[in-house]
Amino acid sequence: MNALLVSLVLGCTPGPDGKMACDGQQQANTAKAGAKAEAECHHPPTQANAPANPGTPVLVRGEKLKGLKPVTLDALLTTPADFEGKDVQVEAKVRKACEKKGCWMELAPADKGPGVRVTFKDYGFFVPLDSAGSTAKVEGTVKVAELSPERAKHYEAEGAKVAKGKDGKYREVQLVALGVELRK
């Protein structure tokens, strides 16, 4: 069984020593690893929900989804100001995820063009580094943000695509997630 499937089903992640760590063992490894573990997702995962399709494992991070009214990714990207400050549910493909810690992911309709950056409330949970290609169902608060050139370059160095407005300023639609469900 590959490591991703193990992590999806059991909520395990690679520990600092490269071995799979699960729940209590993961916390013990994190305590031993000190600063090195800070660079990894060491938050204990929540229990995986039973998937709608029994053959598809679901990875749950953060709070359990509340069943908010869904908003399409296209609607969110077309008129983000209509959703500013509102709690929404979006389901879309993960185009990219932070390759260093899993501290953000990008939902997008295609390989090119703008997407929605998903971060996690209070830096409270992360997603697996290999989340790209997964389908994510996310509930959170919409924010339209202007980014400094330094922040935009930081995101681009991690593999993100950041759009510039006609005025030359970097802007993006963000979703501060309270809860996430991932399916491969």
N, C-alpha and C. Protein backbone atom coordinates (compact mmCIF):
# COMPACT_ATOMS: atom_id res chain seq x y z
N MET A 1 0.86 -1.17 0.00
CA MET A 1 0.00 0.00 0.00
C MET A 1 0.90 1.23 0.00
N ASN A 2 0.62 2.19 -0.91
CA ASN A 2 1.52 3.32 -0.97
C ASN A 2 1.30 4.28 0.19
N ALA A 3 2.29 5.16 0.42
CA ALA A 3 2.25 6.06 1.58
C ALA A 3 1.09 7.03 1.52
N LEU A 4 0.72 7.50 0.32
CA LEU A 4 -0.39 8.44 0.22
C LEU A 4 -1.68 7.78 0.66
N LEU A 5 -1.92 6.56 0.20
CA LEU A 5 -3.14 5.85 0.58
C LEU A 5 -3.17 5.62 2.09
N VAL A 6 -2.03 5.24 2.66
CA VAL A 6 -1.95 5.06 4.11
C VAL A 6 -2.29 6.36 4.81
N SER A 7 -1.72 7.48 4.32
CA SER A 7 -1.99 8.76 4.97
C SER A 7 -3.44 9.16 4.82
N LEU A 8 -4.07 8.86 3.68
CA LEU A 8 -5.47 9.20 3.49
C LEU A 8 -6.38 8.37 4.38
N VAL A 9 -6.13 7.07 4.46
CA VAL A 9 -7.00 6.19 5.20
C VAL A 9 -6.78 6.30 6.71
N LEU A 10 -5.54 6.34 7.13
CA LEU A 10 -5.25 6.30 8.55
C LEU A 10 -4.92 7.66 9.15
N GLY A 11 -4.78 8.68 8.32
CA GLY A 11 -4.43 10.00 8.84
C GLY A 11 -2.98 10.06 9.27
N CYS A 12 -2.13 9.28 8.62
CA CYS A 12 -0.71 9.25 8.96
C CYS A 12 0.05 10.19 8.05
N THR A 13 1.20 10.63 8.52
CA THR A 13 2.09 11.46 7.72
C THR A 13 3.51 10.99 7.95
N PRO A 14 4.40 11.29 6.98
CA PRO A 14 5.79 10.90 7.20
C PRO A 14 6.37 11.69 8.37
N GLY A 15 7.01 10.99 9.29
CA GLY A 15 7.66 11.64 10.42
C GLY A 15 9.03 12.15 10.02
N PRO A 16 9.74 12.82 10.93
CA PRO A 16 11.05 13.37 10.61
C PRO A 16 12.08 12.31 10.22
N ASP A 17 11.83 11.08 10.64
CA ASP A 17 12.76 10.00 10.31
C ASP A 17 12.36 9.28 9.02
N GLY A 18 11.29 9.77 8.33
CA GLY A 18 10.84 9.15 7.09
C GLY A 18 9.83 8.04 7.28
N LYS A 19 9.64 7.58 8.51
CA LYS A 19 8.66 6.53 8.78
C LYS A 19 7.29 7.15 8.93
N MET A 20 6.26 6.35 8.63
CA MET A 20 4.89 6.86 8.77
C MET A 20 4.57 7.03 10.25
N ALA A 21 4.01 8.17 10.61
CA ALA A 21 3.64 8.46 11.99
C ALA A 21 2.14 8.70 12.04
N CYS A 22 1.49 8.09 13.03
CA CYS A 22 0.04 8.21 13.12
C CYS A 22 -0.36 8.64 14.53
N ASP A 23 -1.24 9.66 14.59
CA ASP A 23 -1.83 10.14 15.83
C ASP A 23 -0.81 10.30 16.95
N GLY A 24 -0.90 9.48 18.03
CA GLY A 24 -0.02 9.63 19.19
C GLY A 24 1.45 9.47 18.84
N GLN A 25 1.75 8.52 17.96
CA GLN A 25 3.13 8.33 17.53
C GLN A 25 3.62 9.57 16.80
N GLN A 26 2.73 10.16 15.98
CA GLN A 26 3.10 11.36 15.24
C GLN A 26 3.44 12.48 16.21
N GLN A 27 2.65 12.65 17.26
CA GLN A 27 2.92 13.70 18.23
C GLN A 27 4.23 13.45 18.97
N ALA A 28 4.52 12.21 19.28
CA ALA A 28 5.77 11.88 19.96
C ALA A 28 6.96 12.18 19.06
N ASN A 29 6.84 11.81 17.76
CA ASN A 29 7.92 12.10 16.82
C ASN A 29 8.14 13.60 16.69
N THR A 30 7.06 14.36 16.67
CA THR A 30 7.16 15.80 16.55
C THR A 30 7.89 16.38 17.75
N ALA A 31 7.58 15.92 18.94
CA ALA A 31 8.24 16.42 20.14
C ALA A 31 9.74 16.14 20.08
N LYS A 32 10.13 14.95 19.60
CA LYS A 32 11.54 14.58 19.52
C LYS A 32 12.26 15.37 18.44
N ALA A 33 11.58 15.67 17.35
CA ALA A 33 12.25 16.26 16.21
C ALA A 33 12.51 17.76 16.37
N GLY A 34 11.80 18.41 17.26
CA GLY A 34 12.04 19.83 17.52
C GLY A 34 11.83 20.69 16.30
N ALA A 35 12.81 21.52 15.98
CA ALA A 35 12.69 22.51 14.91
C ALA A 35 12.44 21.86 13.55
N LYS A 36 13.03 20.69 13.31
CA LYS A 36 12.84 20.03 12.02
C LYS A 36 11.36 19.72 11.79
N ALA A 37 10.65 19.32 12.81
CA ALA A 37 9.23 18.98 12.68
C ALA A 37 8.39 20.21 12.40
N GLU A 38 8.87 21.40 12.77
CA GLU A 38 8.12 22.62 12.50
C GLU A 38 7.89 22.81 11.01
N ALA A 39 8.79 22.30 10.18
CA ALA A 39 8.66 22.45 8.74
C ALA A 39 7.68 21.44 8.15
N GLU A 40 7.17 20.53 8.95
CA GLU A 40 6.24 19.52 8.47
C GLU A 40 4.88 19.72 9.11
N CYS A 41 3.88 19.15 8.48
CA CYS A 41 2.54 19.19 9.06
C CYS A 41 2.52 18.21 10.21
N HIS A 42 2.42 18.71 11.43
CA HIS A 42 2.46 17.83 12.58
C HIS A 42 1.17 17.91 13.40
N HIS A 43 0.15 18.54 12.82
CA HIS A 43 -1.11 18.61 13.53
C HIS A 43 -1.83 17.28 13.43
N PRO A 44 -2.38 16.77 14.51
CA PRO A 44 -3.06 15.49 14.42
C PRO A 44 -4.27 15.59 13.51
N PRO A 45 -4.42 14.66 12.58
CA PRO A 45 -5.53 14.72 11.65
C PRO A 45 -6.84 14.36 12.33
N THR A 46 -7.92 14.84 11.74
CA THR A 46 -9.23 14.43 12.23
C THR A 46 -9.56 13.10 11.60
N GLN A 47 -10.55 12.42 12.14
CA GLN A 47 -10.96 11.13 11.62
C GLN A 47 -11.55 11.29 10.23
N ALA A 48 -11.22 10.41 9.30
CA ALA A 48 -11.76 10.49 7.95
C ALA A 48 -13.24 10.14 7.97
N ASN A 49 -14.04 10.92 7.24
CA ASN A 49 -15.46 10.63 7.10
C ASN A 49 -15.64 9.46 6.15
N ALA A 50 -16.78 8.81 6.24
CA ALA A 50 -17.10 7.77 5.28
C ALA A 50 -17.38 8.45 3.94
N PRO A 51 -16.68 8.08 2.89
CA PRO A 51 -16.87 8.74 1.61
C PRO A 51 -18.22 8.42 0.99
N ALA A 52 -18.70 9.33 0.12
CA ALA A 52 -19.95 9.10 -0.60
C ALA A 52 -19.80 7.87 -1.49
N ASN A 53 -18.64 7.73 -2.12
CA ASN A 53 -18.33 6.56 -2.91
C ASN A 53 -17.40 5.71 -2.06
N PRO A 54 -17.85 4.54 -1.61
CA PRO A 54 -17.05 3.73 -0.67
C PRO A 54 -15.64 3.40 -1.15
N GLY A 55 -15.37 3.46 -2.46
CA GLY A 55 -14.05 3.15 -2.96
C GLY A 55 -13.10 4.35 -2.94
N THR A 56 -13.61 5.51 -2.56
CA THR A 56 -12.80 6.73 -2.58
C THR A 56 -12.50 7.20 -1.17
N PRO A 57 -11.25 7.07 -0.71
CA PRO A 57 -10.93 7.55 0.64
C PRO A 57 -11.04 9.07 0.72
N VAL A 58 -11.45 9.55 1.88
CA VAL A 58 -11.59 10.99 2.11
C VAL A 58 -10.65 11.38 3.24
N LEU A 59 -9.88 12.44 3.00
CA LEU A 59 -9.01 12.99 4.03
C LEU A 59 -9.67 14.26 4.53
N VAL A 60 -9.87 14.36 5.83
CA VAL A 60 -10.52 15.52 6.43
C VAL A 60 -9.51 16.28 7.27
N ARG A 61 -9.47 17.59 7.08
CA ARG A 61 -8.63 18.46 7.89
C ARG A 61 -9.48 19.61 8.41
N GLY A 62 -9.17 20.07 9.60
CA GLY A 62 -9.91 21.17 10.20
C GLY A 62 -11.26 20.71 10.72
N GLU A 63 -12.22 21.63 10.70
CA GLU A 63 -13.57 21.33 11.21
C GLU A 63 -14.35 20.49 10.22
N LYS A 64 -15.31 19.75 10.75
CA LYS A 64 -16.23 19.00 9.91
C LYS A 64 -17.03 20.01 9.09
N LEU A 65 -17.24 19.70 7.80
CA LEU A 65 -17.99 20.61 6.94
C LEU A 65 -19.43 20.72 7.42
N LYS A 66 -19.96 21.95 7.36
CA LYS A 66 -21.30 22.23 7.88
C LYS A 66 -22.39 22.08 6.83
N GLY A 67 -22.02 21.94 5.58
CA GLY A 67 -23.01 21.83 4.52
C GLY A 67 -23.50 23.19 4.03
N LEU A 68 -22.59 24.18 4.00
CA LEU A 68 -22.95 25.50 3.49
C LEU A 68 -23.40 25.38 2.04
N LYS A 69 -24.19 26.34 1.59
CA LYS A 69 -24.64 26.35 0.21
C LYS A 69 -23.43 26.45 -0.72
N PRO A 70 -23.32 25.53 -1.68
CA PRO A 70 -22.15 25.55 -2.58
C PRO A 70 -22.16 26.74 -3.53
N VAL A 71 -20.96 27.24 -3.82
CA VAL A 71 -20.72 28.28 -4.80
C VAL A 71 -19.77 27.67 -5.82
N THR A 72 -20.02 27.91 -7.10
CA THR A 72 -19.10 27.36 -8.10
C THR A 72 -17.81 28.16 -8.11
N LEU A 73 -16.74 27.50 -8.49
CA LEU A 73 -15.45 28.16 -8.59
C LEU A 73 -15.52 29.26 -9.64
N ASP A 74 -16.23 29.01 -10.73
CA ASP A 74 -16.37 30.00 -11.79
C ASP A 74 -17.05 31.27 -11.25
N ALA A 75 -18.12 31.11 -10.48
CA ALA A 75 -18.82 32.28 -9.92
C ALA A 75 -17.91 33.05 -8.97
N LEU A 76 -17.16 32.33 -8.17
CA LEU A 76 -16.26 32.97 -7.21
C LEU A 76 -15.16 33.76 -7.92
N LEU A 77 -14.62 33.20 -9.00
CA LEU A 77 -13.55 33.88 -9.74
C LEU A 77 -14.08 35.02 -10.61
N THR A 78 -15.32 34.91 -11.09
CA THR A 78 -15.89 35.93 -11.96
C THR A 78 -16.30 37.18 -11.18
N THR A 79 -16.92 36.99 -10.02
CA THR A 79 -17.40 38.13 -9.22
C THR A 79 -17.00 37.97 -7.76
N PRO A 80 -15.70 37.97 -7.47
CA PRO A 80 -15.27 37.72 -6.09
C PRO A 80 -15.79 38.75 -5.09
N ALA A 81 -15.99 39.99 -5.52
CA ALA A 81 -16.48 41.02 -4.59
C ALA A 81 -17.87 40.67 -4.06
N ASP A 82 -18.66 39.91 -4.82
CA ASP A 82 -20.00 39.50 -4.36
C ASP A 82 -19.93 38.57 -3.15
N PHE A 83 -18.78 37.93 -2.98
CA PHE A 83 -18.63 36.93 -1.91
C PHE A 83 -17.70 37.39 -0.79
N GLU A 84 -17.11 38.57 -0.94
CA GLU A 84 -16.15 39.09 0.05
C GLU A 84 -16.73 39.02 1.46
N GLY A 85 -16.00 38.37 2.38
CA GLY A 85 -16.39 38.28 3.78
C GLY A 85 -17.45 37.23 4.07
N LYS A 86 -17.92 36.52 3.06
CA LYS A 86 -18.97 35.52 3.26
C LYS A 86 -18.37 34.13 3.41
N ASP A 87 -19.07 33.30 4.18
CA ASP A 87 -18.68 31.90 4.31
C ASP A 87 -19.34 31.11 3.18
N VAL A 88 -18.54 30.34 2.46
CA VAL A 88 -19.02 29.59 1.31
C VAL A 88 -18.43 28.18 1.32
N GLN A 89 -19.02 27.34 0.47
CA GLN A 89 -18.46 26.01 0.20
C GLN A 89 -18.12 25.96 -1.28
N VAL A 90 -16.91 25.52 -1.59
CA VAL A 90 -16.45 25.40 -2.97
C VAL A 90 -15.88 24.00 -3.14
N GLU A 91 -16.19 23.38 -4.27
CA GLU A 91 -15.60 22.08 -4.60
C GLU A 91 -14.92 22.21 -5.95
N ALA A 92 -13.64 21.86 -6.01
CA ALA A 92 -12.86 21.99 -7.24
C ALA A 92 -11.59 21.16 -7.15
N LYS A 93 -10.91 21.06 -8.29
CA LYS A 93 -9.62 20.37 -8.34
C LYS A 93 -8.53 21.24 -7.72
N VAL A 94 -7.62 20.58 -7.04
CA VAL A 94 -6.45 21.26 -6.49
C VAL A 94 -5.41 21.32 -7.60
N ARG A 95 -5.09 22.54 -8.04
CA ARG A 95 -4.08 22.70 -9.09
C ARG A 95 -2.68 22.59 -8.50
N LYS A 96 -2.51 23.15 -7.32
CA LYS A 96 -1.18 23.20 -6.70
C LYS A 96 -1.34 23.25 -5.19
N ALA A 97 -0.37 22.71 -4.49
CA ALA A 97 -0.33 22.82 -3.02
C ALA A 97 1.09 23.22 -2.64
N CYS A 98 1.21 23.90 -1.52
CA CYS A 98 2.53 24.28 -1.02
C CYS A 98 3.39 23.02 -0.93
N GLU A 99 4.55 23.07 -1.53
CA GLU A 99 5.43 21.91 -1.57
C GLU A 99 6.36 21.84 -0.38
N LYS A 100 6.30 22.84 0.50
CA LYS A 100 7.18 22.85 1.66
C LYS A 100 6.50 22.36 2.92
N LYS A 101 5.25 22.82 3.16
CA LYS A 101 4.54 22.44 4.38
C LYS A 101 3.10 22.01 4.15
N GLY A 102 2.55 22.29 2.98
CA GLY A 102 1.14 22.02 2.76
C GLY A 102 0.27 23.09 3.41
N CYS A 103 0.82 24.30 3.56
CA CYS A 103 0.12 25.37 4.29
C CYS A 103 -0.82 26.18 3.40
N TRP A 104 -0.90 25.86 2.12
CA TRP A 104 -1.89 26.45 1.22
C TRP A 104 -2.11 25.51 0.06
N MET A 105 -3.22 25.70 -0.62
CA MET A 105 -3.46 25.00 -1.88
C MET A 105 -4.20 25.96 -2.80
N GLU A 106 -4.16 25.66 -4.07
CA GLU A 106 -4.78 26.52 -5.06
C GLU A 106 -5.83 25.71 -5.81
N LEU A 107 -7.07 26.20 -5.79
CA LEU A 107 -8.15 25.58 -6.55
C LEU A 107 -8.29 26.33 -7.85
N ALA A 108 -8.36 25.62 -8.96
CA ALA A 108 -8.43 26.29 -10.25
C ALA A 108 -9.15 25.42 -11.27
N PRO A 109 -9.82 26.07 -12.23
CA PRO A 109 -10.53 25.31 -13.25
C PRO A 109 -9.63 24.73 -14.33
N ALA A 110 -8.40 25.25 -14.46
CA ALA A 110 -7.48 24.78 -15.51
C ALA A 110 -6.05 25.05 -15.08
N ASP A 111 -5.11 24.61 -15.92
CA ASP A 111 -3.70 24.82 -15.60
C ASP A 111 -3.28 26.27 -15.72
N LYS A 112 -3.99 27.04 -16.53
CA LYS A 112 -3.64 28.44 -16.73
C LYS A 112 -4.72 29.33 -16.15
N GLY A 113 -4.36 30.55 -15.86
CA GLY A 113 -5.35 31.51 -15.39
C GLY A 113 -5.46 31.53 -13.88
N PRO A 114 -6.32 32.43 -13.40
CA PRO A 114 -6.43 32.62 -11.96
C PRO A 114 -7.09 31.43 -11.26
N GLY A 115 -6.78 31.34 -9.98
CA GLY A 115 -7.38 30.33 -9.13
C GLY A 115 -7.72 30.97 -7.80
N VAL A 116 -8.11 30.14 -6.86
CA VAL A 116 -8.42 30.60 -5.50
C VAL A 116 -7.39 29.98 -4.57
N ARG A 117 -6.67 30.84 -3.82
CA ARG A 117 -5.71 30.34 -2.84
C ARG A 117 -6.47 29.99 -1.57
N VAL A 118 -6.29 28.78 -1.10
CA VAL A 118 -6.91 28.32 0.13
C VAL A 118 -5.82 28.27 1.20
N THR A 119 -6.04 29.02 2.28
CA THR A 119 -5.17 28.93 3.45
C THR A 119 -6.03 28.37 4.58
N PHE A 120 -5.43 28.13 5.71
CA PHE A 120 -6.14 27.42 6.76
C PHE A 120 -6.21 28.27 8.02
N LYS A 121 -7.42 28.42 8.53
CA LYS A 121 -7.69 29.33 9.64
C LYS A 121 -6.67 29.17 10.76
N ASP A 122 -6.09 30.28 11.15
CA ASP A 122 -5.12 30.34 12.25
C ASP A 122 -3.94 29.39 12.05
N TYR A 123 -3.64 29.03 10.77
CA TYR A 123 -2.53 28.12 10.49
C TYR A 123 -2.71 26.81 11.26
N GLY A 124 -3.98 26.46 11.48
CA GLY A 124 -4.33 25.36 12.37
C GLY A 124 -4.22 23.97 11.79
N PHE A 125 -4.13 23.84 10.48
CA PHE A 125 -3.99 22.52 9.86
C PHE A 125 -3.39 22.72 8.48
N PHE A 126 -2.89 21.64 7.91
CA PHE A 126 -2.28 21.67 6.58
C PHE A 126 -2.84 20.52 5.76
N VAL A 127 -2.49 20.49 4.48
CA VAL A 127 -2.88 19.39 3.59
C VAL A 127 -1.61 18.67 3.16
N PRO A 128 -1.73 17.43 2.67
CA PRO A 128 -0.54 16.72 2.20
C PRO A 128 0.15 17.49 1.07
N LEU A 129 1.46 17.36 1.01
CA LEU A 129 2.26 18.06 0.01
C LEU A 129 1.89 17.64 -1.42
N ASP A 130 1.38 16.44 -1.57
CA ASP A 130 1.03 15.93 -2.90
C ASP A 130 -0.48 16.02 -3.17
N SER A 131 -1.13 17.05 -2.66
CA SER A 131 -2.58 17.22 -2.84
C SER A 131 -2.98 17.62 -4.25
N ALA A 132 -2.06 18.13 -5.05
CA ALA A 132 -2.39 18.53 -6.42
C ALA A 132 -3.03 17.37 -7.15
N GLY A 133 -4.10 17.66 -7.87
CA GLY A 133 -4.84 16.63 -8.60
C GLY A 133 -6.02 16.08 -7.83
N SER A 134 -6.05 16.31 -6.53
CA SER A 134 -7.17 15.87 -5.70
C SER A 134 -8.38 16.77 -5.93
N THR A 135 -9.54 16.29 -5.56
CA THR A 135 -10.73 17.12 -5.53
C THR A 135 -10.90 17.57 -4.10
N ALA A 136 -11.06 18.88 -3.91
CA ALA A 136 -11.21 19.44 -2.57
C ALA A 136 -12.60 20.04 -2.42
N LYS A 137 -13.22 19.76 -1.29
CA LYS A 137 -14.44 20.44 -0.88
C LYS A 137 -14.02 21.26 0.33
N VAL A 138 -14.20 22.59 0.23
CA VAL A 138 -13.68 23.51 1.23
C VAL A 138 -14.79 24.43 1.71
N GLU A 139 -14.84 24.65 3.01
CA GLU A 139 -15.73 25.67 3.56
C GLU A 139 -14.87 26.70 4.28
N GLY A 140 -15.16 27.98 3.98
CA GLY A 140 -14.37 29.03 4.60
C GLY A 140 -14.86 30.40 4.19
N THR A 141 -14.08 31.42 4.56
CA THR A 141 -14.44 32.81 4.33
C THR A 141 -13.65 33.37 3.15
N VAL A 142 -14.36 34.04 2.24
CA VAL A 142 -13.77 34.61 1.03
C VAL A 142 -13.12 35.94 1.35
N LYS A 143 -11.96 36.15 0.74
CA LYS A 143 -11.22 37.40 0.90
C LYS A 143 -10.59 37.74 -0.46
N VAL A 144 -10.69 38.98 -0.87
CA VAL A 144 -10.00 39.45 -2.07
C VAL A 144 -8.81 40.25 -1.57
N ALA A 145 -7.62 39.81 -1.92
CA ALA A 145 -6.41 40.39 -1.33
C ALA A 145 -5.49 40.98 -2.40
N GLU A 146 -4.92 42.12 -2.06
CA GLU A 146 -3.85 42.69 -2.86
C GLU A 146 -2.55 42.23 -2.21
N LEU A 147 -1.66 41.67 -3.01
CA LEU A 147 -0.42 41.12 -2.49
C LEU A 147 0.74 42.04 -2.79
N SER A 148 1.68 42.10 -1.89
CA SER A 148 2.92 42.82 -2.16
C SER A 148 3.69 42.04 -3.22
N PRO A 149 4.55 42.71 -3.97
CA PRO A 149 5.37 41.98 -4.95
C PRO A 149 6.20 40.87 -4.29
N GLU A 150 6.67 41.14 -3.06
CA GLU A 150 7.47 40.13 -2.35
C GLU A 150 6.63 38.88 -2.04
N ARG A 151 5.39 39.08 -1.57
CA ARG A 151 4.51 37.95 -1.24
C ARG A 151 4.17 37.18 -2.51
N ALA A 152 3.87 37.89 -3.60
CA ALA A 152 3.55 37.24 -4.87
C ALA A 152 4.73 36.39 -5.34
N LYS A 153 5.94 36.93 -5.25
CA LYS A 153 7.13 36.18 -5.66
C LYS A 153 7.36 34.96 -4.77
N HIS A 154 7.06 35.11 -3.47
CA HIS A 154 7.18 33.99 -2.54
C HIS A 154 6.24 32.86 -2.97
N TYR A 155 4.98 33.21 -3.26
CA TYR A 155 4.01 32.19 -3.70
C TYR A 155 4.45 31.56 -5.02
N GLU A 156 4.93 32.39 -5.95
CA GLU A 156 5.37 31.87 -7.23
C GLU A 156 6.57 30.94 -7.07
N ALA A 157 7.45 31.24 -6.12
CA ALA A 157 8.60 30.36 -5.86
C ALA A 157 8.15 29.00 -5.33
N GLU A 158 6.97 28.96 -4.71
CA GLU A 158 6.41 27.70 -4.21
C GLU A 158 5.53 27.02 -5.26
N GLY A 159 5.48 27.60 -6.46
CA GLY A 159 4.75 26.97 -7.56
C GLY A 159 3.38 27.55 -7.85
N ALA A 160 2.97 28.62 -7.18
CA ALA A 160 1.65 29.20 -7.40
C ALA A 160 1.65 30.10 -8.63
N LYS A 161 0.46 30.37 -9.14
CA LYS A 161 0.28 31.31 -10.23
C LYS A 161 -0.48 32.50 -9.65
N VAL A 162 0.14 33.67 -9.68
CA VAL A 162 -0.46 34.87 -9.10
C VAL A 162 -0.75 35.85 -10.23
N ALA A 163 -1.99 36.32 -10.32
CA ALA A 163 -2.41 37.22 -11.39
C ALA A 163 -2.13 38.68 -11.04
N LYS A 164 -1.87 39.46 -12.07
CA LYS A 164 -1.72 40.91 -11.92
C LYS A 164 -2.96 41.57 -12.49
N GLY A 165 -3.41 42.62 -11.82
CA GLY A 165 -4.51 43.41 -12.34
C GLY A 165 -4.02 44.32 -13.45
N LYS A 166 -4.96 45.02 -14.12
CA LYS A 166 -4.58 45.95 -15.19
C LYS A 166 -3.70 47.08 -14.66
N ASP A 167 -3.78 47.34 -13.36
CA ASP A 167 -2.95 48.38 -12.75
C ASP A 167 -1.55 47.88 -12.39
N GLY A 168 -1.28 46.59 -12.68
CA GLY A 168 0.03 46.02 -12.41
C GLY A 168 0.20 45.46 -11.01
N LYS A 169 -0.84 45.58 -10.17
CA LYS A 169 -0.76 45.07 -8.80
C LYS A 169 -1.22 43.62 -8.75
N TYR A 170 -0.58 42.88 -7.85
CA TYR A 170 -0.92 41.47 -7.67
C TYR A 170 -2.18 41.37 -6.81
N ARG A 171 -3.17 40.62 -7.30
CA ARG A 171 -4.40 40.39 -6.54
C ARG A 171 -4.78 38.93 -6.67
N GLU A 172 -5.42 38.44 -5.63
CA GLU A 172 -5.92 37.08 -5.72
C GLU A 172 -7.16 36.92 -4.86
N VAL A 173 -7.94 35.92 -5.22
CA VAL A 173 -9.10 35.53 -4.42
C VAL A 173 -8.58 34.48 -3.45
N GLN A 174 -8.89 34.68 -2.18
CA GLN A 174 -8.45 33.74 -1.15
C GLN A 174 -9.67 33.16 -0.43
N LEU A 175 -9.50 31.98 0.08
CA LEU A 175 -10.51 31.33 0.90
C LEU A 175 -9.81 30.86 2.16
N VAL A 176 -10.18 31.42 3.30
CA VAL A 176 -9.59 31.02 4.57
C VAL A 176 -10.46 29.86 5.09
N ALA A 177 -9.92 28.66 4.96
CA ALA A 177 -10.69 27.44 5.21
C ALA A 177 -10.85 27.14 6.69
N LEU A 178 -12.07 26.74 7.03
CA LEU A 178 -12.36 26.22 8.36
C LEU A 178 -12.27 24.69 8.33
N GLY A 179 -12.60 24.11 7.20
CA GLY A 179 -12.56 22.66 7.04
C GLY A 179 -12.36 22.28 5.58
N VAL A 180 -11.72 21.12 5.37
CA VAL A 180 -11.39 20.64 4.03
C VAL A 180 -11.63 19.14 3.97
N GLU A 181 -12.20 18.69 2.85
CA GLU A 181 -12.26 17.27 2.52
C GLU A 181 -11.51 17.08 1.20
N LEU A 182 -10.60 16.14 1.17
CA LEU A 182 -9.82 15.85 -0.05
C LEU A 182 -10.10 14.43 -0.51
N ARG A 183 -10.28 14.27 -1.83
CA ARG A 183 -10.45 12.96 -2.45
C ARG A 183 -9.50 12.87 -3.63
N LYS A 184 -8.80 11.76 -3.73
CA LYS A 184 -7.90 11.54 -4.90
C LYS A 184 -8.71 11.06 -6.07
